[in-house]
Structures are given as C-alpha cells and as structure tokens.
C-alpha cells in the first residue's frame, strides 16, 4: 500500500460535468451547478440547462447544512479499502431545496430522519477532498 488510503475509490476530478464540485470541495466549499439564465439548479450537474436550454451555467456556493434524508449501515465488506461497519448517508441540502448528496460515516452512529447535518471536508489524498456529512447540533442547523 502507498498513500493514506491506498486502494480507495476516488472520484474523477477532471470530469467536465463534475470537476467544479471537486474543485470547490478542495477550497472548503459546497457548490451546486446553476443556470445563470433561468436560475434552475442543475442536479445532477450538466453543462446545459434542462429548464431553458441555456449553456451559461456556474457553480453557486451554498451553505454546508443539510437534513438527513436516508442512511444505511453497511455490515458486509465489499471492498478492502472500506472496513465495516460504516454508514452511507443521503442528505438533502437546506438550500437549494431538493438537492441530495451522499456521504460516509464510520461505524454505526445514532441517526434519525430529518436530523441536522453539516459538511465536513475529508482529505482523501492525492489532491482529492471529499465533502462528507456529519450530525450537527440543533443550534447549528440555521
């Protein structure tokens, strides 16, 4: 093994549709692709707006706050770089509404639907920063 997480599955950082998401994470920001012409949130990210057909899109910074939408505890190891148990979470951003992002928590944390979550940026090595989600205190939930 080499590096902090050898063998770990990492995103493609130079994909034309998602590179801005990973660049923002490296800066410690959460962003969503948005159409400048009509304001449509483009999630899943794409270069052209499915609302108005425009191609003037940008990565809009958004607060790193969300609510827990769903989760599952993984008990059966399917990849050697991911020891079990771990919890896969799906959060819905507080802003803009309807945007859901996935994350990872080690172990079996106590969670509940609708629980406030906050972003945490994880350095995965090789220049990759992953936005992860963790429980937030109720006062932080905005």
N, C-alpha and C. Protein backbone atom coordinates (compact mmCIF):
# COMPACT_ATOMS: atom_id res chain seq x y z
N UNK A 1 0.84 -1.19 0.00
CA UNK A 1 0.00 0.00 0.00
C UNK A 1 0.87 1.24 0.00
N UNK A 2 0.37 2.27 -0.68
CA UNK A 2 1.06 3.55 -0.63
C UNK A 2 0.02 4.64 -0.40
N UNK A 3 0.43 5.72 0.22
CA UNK A 3 -0.51 6.80 0.50
C UNK A 3 -1.41 6.47 1.66
N UNK A 4 -2.19 7.48 2.12
CA UNK A 4 -3.01 7.29 3.31
C UNK A 4 -4.17 6.33 3.12
N UNK A 5 -4.69 6.22 1.93
CA UNK A 5 -5.87 5.37 1.71
C UNK A 5 -5.68 4.57 0.42
N UNK A 6 -4.57 3.86 0.30
CA UNK A 6 -4.29 3.11 -0.93
C UNK A 6 -5.45 2.19 -1.27
N UNK A 7 -5.82 2.18 -2.54
CA UNK A 7 -6.89 1.33 -2.99
C UNK A 7 -8.27 1.93 -2.84
N UNK A 8 -8.39 3.06 -2.21
CA UNK A 8 -9.69 3.68 -2.01
C UNK A 8 -10.25 4.18 -3.34
N UNK A 9 -11.53 4.03 -3.51
CA UNK A 9 -12.19 4.50 -4.72
C UNK A 9 -12.40 6.01 -4.61
N UNK A 10 -11.89 6.75 -5.61
CA UNK A 10 -11.95 8.21 -5.59
C UNK A 10 -12.64 8.72 -6.85
N UNK A 11 -13.21 9.91 -6.79
CA UNK A 11 -13.89 10.46 -7.97
C UNK A 11 -12.89 10.87 -9.04
N UNK A 12 -13.39 11.00 -10.26
CA UNK A 12 -12.61 11.54 -11.37
C UNK A 12 -12.67 13.06 -11.22
N UNK A 13 -11.53 13.69 -10.99
CA UNK A 13 -11.51 15.12 -10.68
C UNK A 13 -11.64 16.02 -11.91
N UNK A 14 -11.38 15.49 -13.10
CA UNK A 14 -11.40 16.35 -14.28
C UNK A 14 -12.60 16.07 -15.20
N UNK A 15 -13.64 15.44 -14.70
CA UNK A 15 -14.86 15.23 -15.48
C UNK A 15 -15.47 16.60 -15.79
N UNK A 16 -15.83 16.88 -17.04
CA UNK A 16 -16.34 18.21 -17.36
C UNK A 16 -17.63 18.59 -16.64
N UNK A 17 -18.45 17.62 -16.28
CA UNK A 17 -19.71 17.93 -15.61
C UNK A 17 -19.57 18.10 -14.10
N UNK A 18 -18.58 17.46 -13.48
CA UNK A 18 -18.50 17.50 -12.01
C UNK A 18 -17.21 18.10 -11.46
N UNK A 19 -16.26 18.46 -12.30
CA UNK A 19 -14.97 18.98 -11.81
C UNK A 19 -15.15 20.17 -10.87
N UNK A 20 -16.09 21.05 -11.16
CA UNK A 20 -16.31 22.22 -10.31
C UNK A 20 -16.70 21.86 -8.88
N UNK A 21 -17.43 20.77 -8.74
CA UNK A 21 -17.82 20.28 -7.40
C UNK A 21 -16.58 19.90 -6.60
N UNK A 22 -15.65 19.16 -7.23
CA UNK A 22 -14.45 18.71 -6.53
C UNK A 22 -13.47 19.86 -6.30
N UNK A 23 -13.39 20.80 -7.24
CA UNK A 23 -12.53 21.98 -7.04
C UNK A 23 -13.03 22.79 -5.85
N UNK A 24 -14.34 22.95 -5.74
CA UNK A 24 -14.91 23.69 -4.62
C UNK A 24 -14.65 22.97 -3.30
N UNK A 25 -14.79 21.67 -3.28
CA UNK A 25 -14.53 20.90 -2.06
C UNK A 25 -13.09 21.11 -1.60
N UNK A 26 -12.16 21.16 -2.54
CA UNK A 26 -10.76 21.39 -2.19
C UNK A 26 -10.56 22.76 -1.55
N UNK A 27 -11.46 23.71 -1.85
CA UNK A 27 -11.43 25.05 -1.24
C UNK A 27 -12.25 25.11 0.04
N UNK A 28 -12.93 24.01 0.39
CA UNK A 28 -13.77 24.00 1.58
C UNK A 28 -15.15 24.58 1.34
N UNK A 29 -15.67 24.43 0.12
CA UNK A 29 -17.00 24.94 -0.22
C UNK A 29 -17.89 23.83 -0.76
N UNK A 30 -19.19 23.99 -0.54
CA UNK A 30 -20.20 23.16 -1.19
C UNK A 30 -20.81 24.03 -2.28
N UNK A 31 -20.93 23.48 -3.49
CA UNK A 31 -21.50 24.23 -4.61
C UNK A 31 -22.53 23.38 -5.34
N UNK A 32 -23.45 24.05 -6.04
CA UNK A 32 -24.39 23.37 -6.93
C UNK A 32 -24.36 24.10 -8.27
N UNK A 33 -24.43 23.32 -9.33
CA UNK A 33 -24.44 23.92 -10.67
C UNK A 33 -25.80 24.56 -10.90
N UNK A 34 -25.77 25.78 -11.42
CA UNK A 34 -26.99 26.57 -11.58
C UNK A 34 -26.96 27.29 -12.92
N UNK A 35 -28.11 27.44 -13.55
CA UNK A 35 -28.23 28.16 -14.80
C UNK A 35 -28.30 29.66 -14.51
N UNK A 36 -27.43 30.43 -15.13
CA UNK A 36 -27.45 31.89 -14.95
C UNK A 36 -28.67 32.52 -15.63
N UNK A 37 -29.18 31.89 -16.68
CA UNK A 37 -30.29 32.48 -17.43
C UNK A 37 -31.63 32.37 -16.72
N UNK A 38 -31.92 31.18 -16.15
CA UNK A 38 -33.24 31.00 -15.53
C UNK A 38 -33.19 30.63 -14.05
N UNK A 39 -31.99 30.39 -13.50
CA UNK A 39 -31.86 30.07 -12.08
C UNK A 39 -32.09 28.61 -11.73
N UNK A 40 -32.34 27.77 -12.72
CA UNK A 40 -32.59 26.34 -12.48
C UNK A 40 -31.36 25.69 -11.86
N UNK A 41 -31.57 24.93 -10.79
CA UNK A 41 -30.49 24.13 -10.22
C UNK A 41 -30.33 22.90 -11.09
N UNK A 42 -29.10 22.63 -11.49
CA UNK A 42 -28.81 21.51 -12.39
C UNK A 42 -28.18 20.37 -11.60
N UNK A 43 -29.05 19.58 -11.02
CA UNK A 43 -28.57 18.46 -10.22
C UNK A 43 -29.30 17.21 -10.68
N UNK A 44 -28.63 16.35 -11.23
CA UNK A 44 -27.22 16.10 -11.39
C UNK A 44 -26.60 17.13 -12.34
N UNK A 45 -25.32 17.52 -12.07
CA UNK A 45 -24.70 18.60 -12.84
C UNK A 45 -24.57 18.28 -14.32
N UNK A 46 -24.80 19.30 -15.14
CA UNK A 46 -24.62 19.18 -16.58
C UNK A 46 -24.33 20.56 -17.16
N UNK A 47 -23.78 20.60 -18.35
CA UNK A 47 -23.36 21.85 -18.96
C UNK A 47 -24.53 22.67 -19.49
N UNK A 48 -25.61 22.00 -19.89
CA UNK A 48 -26.76 22.71 -20.47
C UNK A 48 -27.97 22.61 -19.56
N UNK A 49 -28.70 23.69 -19.48
CA UNK A 49 -29.88 23.75 -18.61
C UNK A 49 -31.03 22.94 -19.22
N UNK A 50 -31.61 22.07 -18.42
CA UNK A 50 -32.77 21.31 -18.87
C UNK A 50 -34.05 22.13 -18.72
N UNK A 51 -33.97 23.30 -18.06
CA UNK A 51 -35.13 24.16 -17.90
C UNK A 51 -35.34 25.06 -19.10
N UNK A 52 -34.29 25.79 -19.49
CA UNK A 52 -34.42 26.76 -20.57
C UNK A 52 -33.55 26.44 -21.79
N UNK A 53 -32.69 25.44 -21.66
CA UNK A 53 -31.82 25.07 -22.78
C UNK A 53 -30.55 25.89 -22.86
N UNK A 54 -30.37 26.83 -21.93
CA UNK A 54 -29.18 27.68 -21.95
C UNK A 54 -27.91 26.92 -21.58
N UNK A 55 -26.78 27.54 -21.91
CA UNK A 55 -25.50 26.91 -21.57
C UNK A 55 -24.62 27.81 -20.72
N UNK A 56 -25.21 28.83 -20.13
CA UNK A 56 -24.46 29.72 -19.22
C UNK A 56 -24.71 29.24 -17.79
N UNK A 57 -23.87 28.30 -17.35
CA UNK A 57 -24.04 27.72 -16.02
C UNK A 57 -22.84 28.06 -15.16
N UNK A 58 -23.04 27.98 -13.85
CA UNK A 58 -21.96 28.27 -12.90
C UNK A 58 -22.15 27.44 -11.65
N UNK A 59 -21.07 27.36 -10.86
CA UNK A 59 -21.10 26.63 -9.60
C UNK A 59 -21.38 27.63 -8.49
N UNK A 60 -22.60 27.60 -7.98
CA UNK A 60 -23.04 28.53 -6.94
C UNK A 60 -22.73 27.98 -5.56
N UNK A 61 -21.99 28.74 -4.74
CA UNK A 61 -21.74 28.29 -3.36
C UNK A 61 -23.04 28.26 -2.56
N UNK A 62 -23.19 27.25 -1.73
CA UNK A 62 -24.36 27.11 -0.86
C UNK A 62 -23.88 26.77 0.54
N UNK A 63 -24.71 27.04 1.55
CA UNK A 63 -24.32 26.69 2.92
C UNK A 63 -24.11 25.18 3.06
N UNK A 64 -23.18 24.80 3.87
CA UNK A 64 -22.89 23.38 4.10
C UNK A 64 -23.78 22.78 5.17
N UNK A 65 -25.09 23.03 5.06
CA UNK A 65 -26.07 22.49 6.02
C UNK A 65 -27.09 21.65 5.27
N UNK A 66 -27.54 20.60 5.93
CA UNK A 66 -28.49 19.69 5.31
C UNK A 66 -29.30 19.00 6.39
N UNK A 67 -30.25 18.21 5.94
CA UNK A 67 -31.04 17.34 6.82
C UNK A 67 -30.84 15.92 6.34
N UNK A 68 -30.75 15.00 7.28
CA UNK A 68 -30.57 13.60 6.93
C UNK A 68 -31.84 13.10 6.25
N UNK A 69 -31.69 12.60 5.05
CA UNK A 69 -32.82 12.09 4.28
C UNK A 69 -32.94 10.58 4.46
N UNK A 70 -31.82 9.87 4.36
CA UNK A 70 -31.83 8.42 4.49
C UNK A 70 -30.41 7.95 4.82
N UNK A 71 -30.30 6.70 5.28
CA UNK A 71 -28.99 6.13 5.58
C UNK A 71 -29.11 4.62 5.63
N UNK A 72 -27.97 3.97 5.52
CA UNK A 72 -27.90 2.53 5.70
C UNK A 72 -26.55 2.17 6.30
N UNK A 73 -26.56 1.20 7.18
CA UNK A 73 -25.32 0.71 7.78
C UNK A 73 -24.86 -0.48 6.95
N UNK A 74 -23.63 -0.40 6.48
CA UNK A 74 -23.06 -1.47 5.68
C UNK A 74 -22.33 -2.43 6.62
N UNK A 75 -22.75 -3.66 6.63
CA UNK A 75 -22.19 -4.68 7.52
C UNK A 75 -21.33 -5.70 6.79
N UNK A 76 -21.51 -5.82 5.48
CA UNK A 76 -20.78 -6.80 4.68
C UNK A 76 -19.73 -6.06 3.85
N UNK A 77 -18.47 -6.35 4.08
CA UNK A 77 -17.40 -5.65 3.38
C UNK A 77 -17.38 -6.04 1.91
N UNK A 78 -17.45 -5.04 1.03
CA UNK A 78 -17.43 -5.29 -0.40
C UNK A 78 -16.16 -4.77 -1.08
N UNK A 79 -15.34 -4.03 -0.35
CA UNK A 79 -14.09 -3.51 -0.89
C UNK A 79 -13.09 -3.43 0.26
N UNK A 80 -11.85 -3.88 0.05
CA UNK A 80 -10.89 -3.92 1.15
C UNK A 80 -10.53 -2.55 1.74
N UNK A 81 -10.72 -1.48 0.99
CA UNK A 81 -10.39 -0.15 1.50
C UNK A 81 -11.49 0.42 2.40
N UNK A 82 -12.61 -0.29 2.53
CA UNK A 82 -13.74 0.20 3.32
C UNK A 82 -14.13 -0.82 4.37
N UNK A 83 -13.45 -0.81 5.53
CA UNK A 83 -13.79 -1.77 6.57
C UNK A 83 -15.18 -1.49 7.15
N UNK A 84 -15.84 -2.55 7.54
CA UNK A 84 -17.18 -2.42 8.12
C UNK A 84 -17.10 -2.43 9.64
N UNK A 85 -18.11 -1.90 10.30
CA UNK A 85 -19.29 -1.27 9.71
C UNK A 85 -19.00 0.19 9.34
N UNK A 86 -19.76 0.66 8.36
CA UNK A 86 -19.78 2.08 8.04
C UNK A 86 -21.19 2.44 7.62
N UNK A 87 -21.48 3.73 7.64
CA UNK A 87 -22.83 4.19 7.34
C UNK A 87 -22.79 5.11 6.12
N UNK A 88 -23.56 4.75 5.12
CA UNK A 88 -23.73 5.60 3.94
C UNK A 88 -24.94 6.49 4.22
N UNK A 89 -24.76 7.81 4.04
CA UNK A 89 -25.84 8.75 4.32
C UNK A 89 -26.23 9.49 3.04
N UNK A 90 -27.50 9.86 2.98
CA UNK A 90 -28.02 10.71 1.93
C UNK A 90 -28.64 11.90 2.62
N UNK A 91 -28.13 13.09 2.30
CA UNK A 91 -28.64 14.30 2.92
C UNK A 91 -29.33 15.17 1.87
N UNK A 92 -30.28 15.98 2.32
CA UNK A 92 -30.91 16.96 1.44
C UNK A 92 -30.47 18.33 1.92
N UNK A 93 -29.85 19.08 1.01
CA UNK A 93 -29.37 20.40 1.37
C UNK A 93 -30.52 21.28 1.83
N UNK A 94 -30.25 22.16 2.80
CA UNK A 94 -31.26 23.12 3.23
C UNK A 94 -31.48 24.16 2.14
N UNK A 95 -30.42 24.44 1.38
CA UNK A 95 -30.52 25.38 0.27
C UNK A 95 -29.56 24.94 -0.81
N UNK A 96 -30.01 24.80 -2.03
CA UNK A 96 -31.39 24.85 -2.50
C UNK A 96 -32.13 23.56 -2.17
N UNK A 97 -33.43 23.68 -1.97
CA UNK A 97 -34.25 22.54 -1.62
C UNK A 97 -34.22 21.51 -2.75
N UNK A 98 -34.28 20.25 -2.37
CA UNK A 98 -34.37 19.18 -3.34
C UNK A 98 -33.05 18.59 -3.79
N UNK A 99 -31.93 19.22 -3.44
CA UNK A 99 -30.63 18.70 -3.84
C UNK A 99 -30.15 17.73 -2.77
N UNK A 100 -29.85 16.50 -3.18
CA UNK A 100 -29.40 15.47 -2.25
C UNK A 100 -27.98 15.06 -2.59
N UNK A 101 -27.17 14.89 -1.55
CA UNK A 101 -25.78 14.48 -1.71
C UNK A 101 -25.50 13.30 -0.78
N UNK A 102 -24.57 12.47 -1.18
CA UNK A 102 -24.22 11.28 -0.40
C UNK A 102 -22.96 11.52 0.41
N UNK A 103 -22.80 10.74 1.46
CA UNK A 103 -21.61 10.81 2.30
C UNK A 103 -21.40 9.50 3.04
N UNK A 104 -20.40 9.52 3.89
CA UNK A 104 -19.92 8.31 4.57
C UNK A 104 -19.58 8.66 6.01
N UNK A 105 -20.03 7.85 6.93
CA UNK A 105 -19.66 7.99 8.34
C UNK A 105 -19.11 6.65 8.82
N UNK A 106 -18.04 6.64 9.58
CA UNK A 106 -17.55 5.37 10.11
C UNK A 106 -18.50 4.83 11.18
N UNK A 107 -18.54 3.52 11.29
CA UNK A 107 -19.31 2.89 12.37
C UNK A 107 -20.81 2.92 12.17
N UNK A 108 -21.50 2.84 13.33
CA UNK A 108 -22.97 2.82 13.38
C UNK A 108 -23.47 3.98 14.22
N UNK A 109 -23.37 5.21 13.74
CA UNK A 109 -23.81 6.34 14.57
C UNK A 109 -25.33 6.33 14.77
N UNK A 110 -25.74 6.91 15.88
CA UNK A 110 -27.18 7.08 16.15
C UNK A 110 -27.69 8.19 15.26
N UNK A 111 -28.63 7.88 14.37
CA UNK A 111 -29.16 8.86 13.42
C UNK A 111 -30.67 8.82 13.44
N UNK A 112 -31.30 9.91 12.96
CA UNK A 112 -32.75 9.95 12.82
C UNK A 112 -33.10 10.77 11.59
N UNK A 113 -34.16 10.41 10.93
CA UNK A 113 -34.61 11.12 9.74
C UNK A 113 -34.85 12.60 10.07
N UNK A 114 -34.40 13.47 9.20
CA UNK A 114 -34.58 14.90 9.40
C UNK A 114 -33.53 15.54 10.29
N UNK A 115 -32.62 14.76 10.80
CA UNK A 115 -31.58 15.26 11.70
C UNK A 115 -30.71 16.30 10.98
N UNK A 116 -30.36 17.40 11.65
CA UNK A 116 -29.46 18.38 11.03
C UNK A 116 -28.08 17.76 10.79
N UNK A 117 -27.53 18.07 9.64
CA UNK A 117 -26.20 17.59 9.27
C UNK A 117 -25.38 18.78 8.79
N UNK A 118 -24.07 18.65 8.92
CA UNK A 118 -23.17 19.71 8.43
C UNK A 118 -22.07 19.04 7.62
N UNK A 119 -21.53 19.83 6.70
CA UNK A 119 -20.47 19.30 5.86
C UNK A 119 -19.16 19.24 6.65
N UNK A 120 -18.38 18.24 6.32
CA UNK A 120 -17.02 18.08 6.85
C UNK A 120 -16.19 17.69 5.64
N UNK A 121 -15.07 18.37 5.43
CA UNK A 121 -14.24 18.08 4.26
C UNK A 121 -13.13 17.12 4.64
N UNK A 122 -13.07 16.00 3.92
CA UNK A 122 -12.11 14.94 4.20
C UNK A 122 -11.03 14.94 3.13
N UNK A 123 -9.77 15.06 3.55
CA UNK A 123 -8.65 14.96 2.63
C UNK A 123 -8.40 13.48 2.36
N UNK A 124 -8.71 13.04 1.13
CA UNK A 124 -8.57 11.63 0.78
C UNK A 124 -7.21 11.33 0.15
N UNK A 125 -6.34 12.31 0.07
CA UNK A 125 -5.02 12.12 -0.51
C UNK A 125 -5.01 12.41 -2.00
N UNK A 126 -3.81 12.58 -2.54
CA UNK A 126 -3.63 12.83 -3.98
C UNK A 126 -4.42 14.03 -4.48
N UNK A 127 -4.63 15.04 -3.63
CA UNK A 127 -5.33 16.25 -4.04
C UNK A 127 -6.85 16.13 -4.05
N UNK A 128 -7.37 15.02 -3.57
CA UNK A 128 -8.82 14.81 -3.56
C UNK A 128 -9.38 15.17 -2.19
N UNK A 129 -10.39 16.03 -2.19
CA UNK A 129 -11.10 16.39 -0.96
C UNK A 129 -12.56 16.00 -1.16
N UNK A 130 -13.08 15.25 -0.21
CA UNK A 130 -14.46 14.75 -0.28
C UNK A 130 -15.35 15.49 0.71
N UNK A 131 -16.44 16.06 0.26
CA UNK A 131 -17.41 16.59 1.22
C UNK A 131 -18.14 15.42 1.87
N UNK A 132 -18.05 15.33 3.17
CA UNK A 132 -18.75 14.29 3.94
C UNK A 132 -19.76 15.00 4.84
N UNK A 133 -20.65 14.24 5.41
CA UNK A 133 -21.72 14.82 6.23
C UNK A 133 -21.71 14.17 7.59
N UNK A 134 -21.87 15.00 8.62
CA UNK A 134 -21.90 14.51 9.99
C UNK A 134 -23.01 15.21 10.76
N UNK A 135 -23.50 14.58 11.81
CA UNK A 135 -24.55 15.22 12.61
C UNK A 135 -24.11 16.58 13.14
N UNK A 136 -25.04 17.52 13.11
CA UNK A 136 -24.80 18.87 13.62
C UNK A 136 -25.66 19.09 14.85
N UNK A 137 -25.24 19.98 15.69
CA UNK A 137 -26.06 20.37 16.82
C UNK A 137 -27.30 21.12 16.30
N UNK A 138 -28.40 21.02 16.99
CA UNK A 138 -29.64 21.69 16.56
C UNK A 138 -29.42 23.19 16.36
N UNK A 139 -28.58 23.83 17.20
CA UNK A 139 -28.36 25.27 17.09
C UNK A 139 -27.64 25.63 15.81
N UNK A 140 -26.84 24.70 15.24
CA UNK A 140 -26.10 24.95 14.01
C UNK A 140 -26.99 24.85 12.79
N UNK A 141 -28.16 24.29 12.92
CA UNK A 141 -28.98 23.94 11.78
C UNK A 141 -29.56 25.14 11.05
N UNK A 142 -29.32 26.33 11.50
CA UNK A 142 -29.76 27.52 10.78
C UNK A 142 -31.19 27.76 10.96
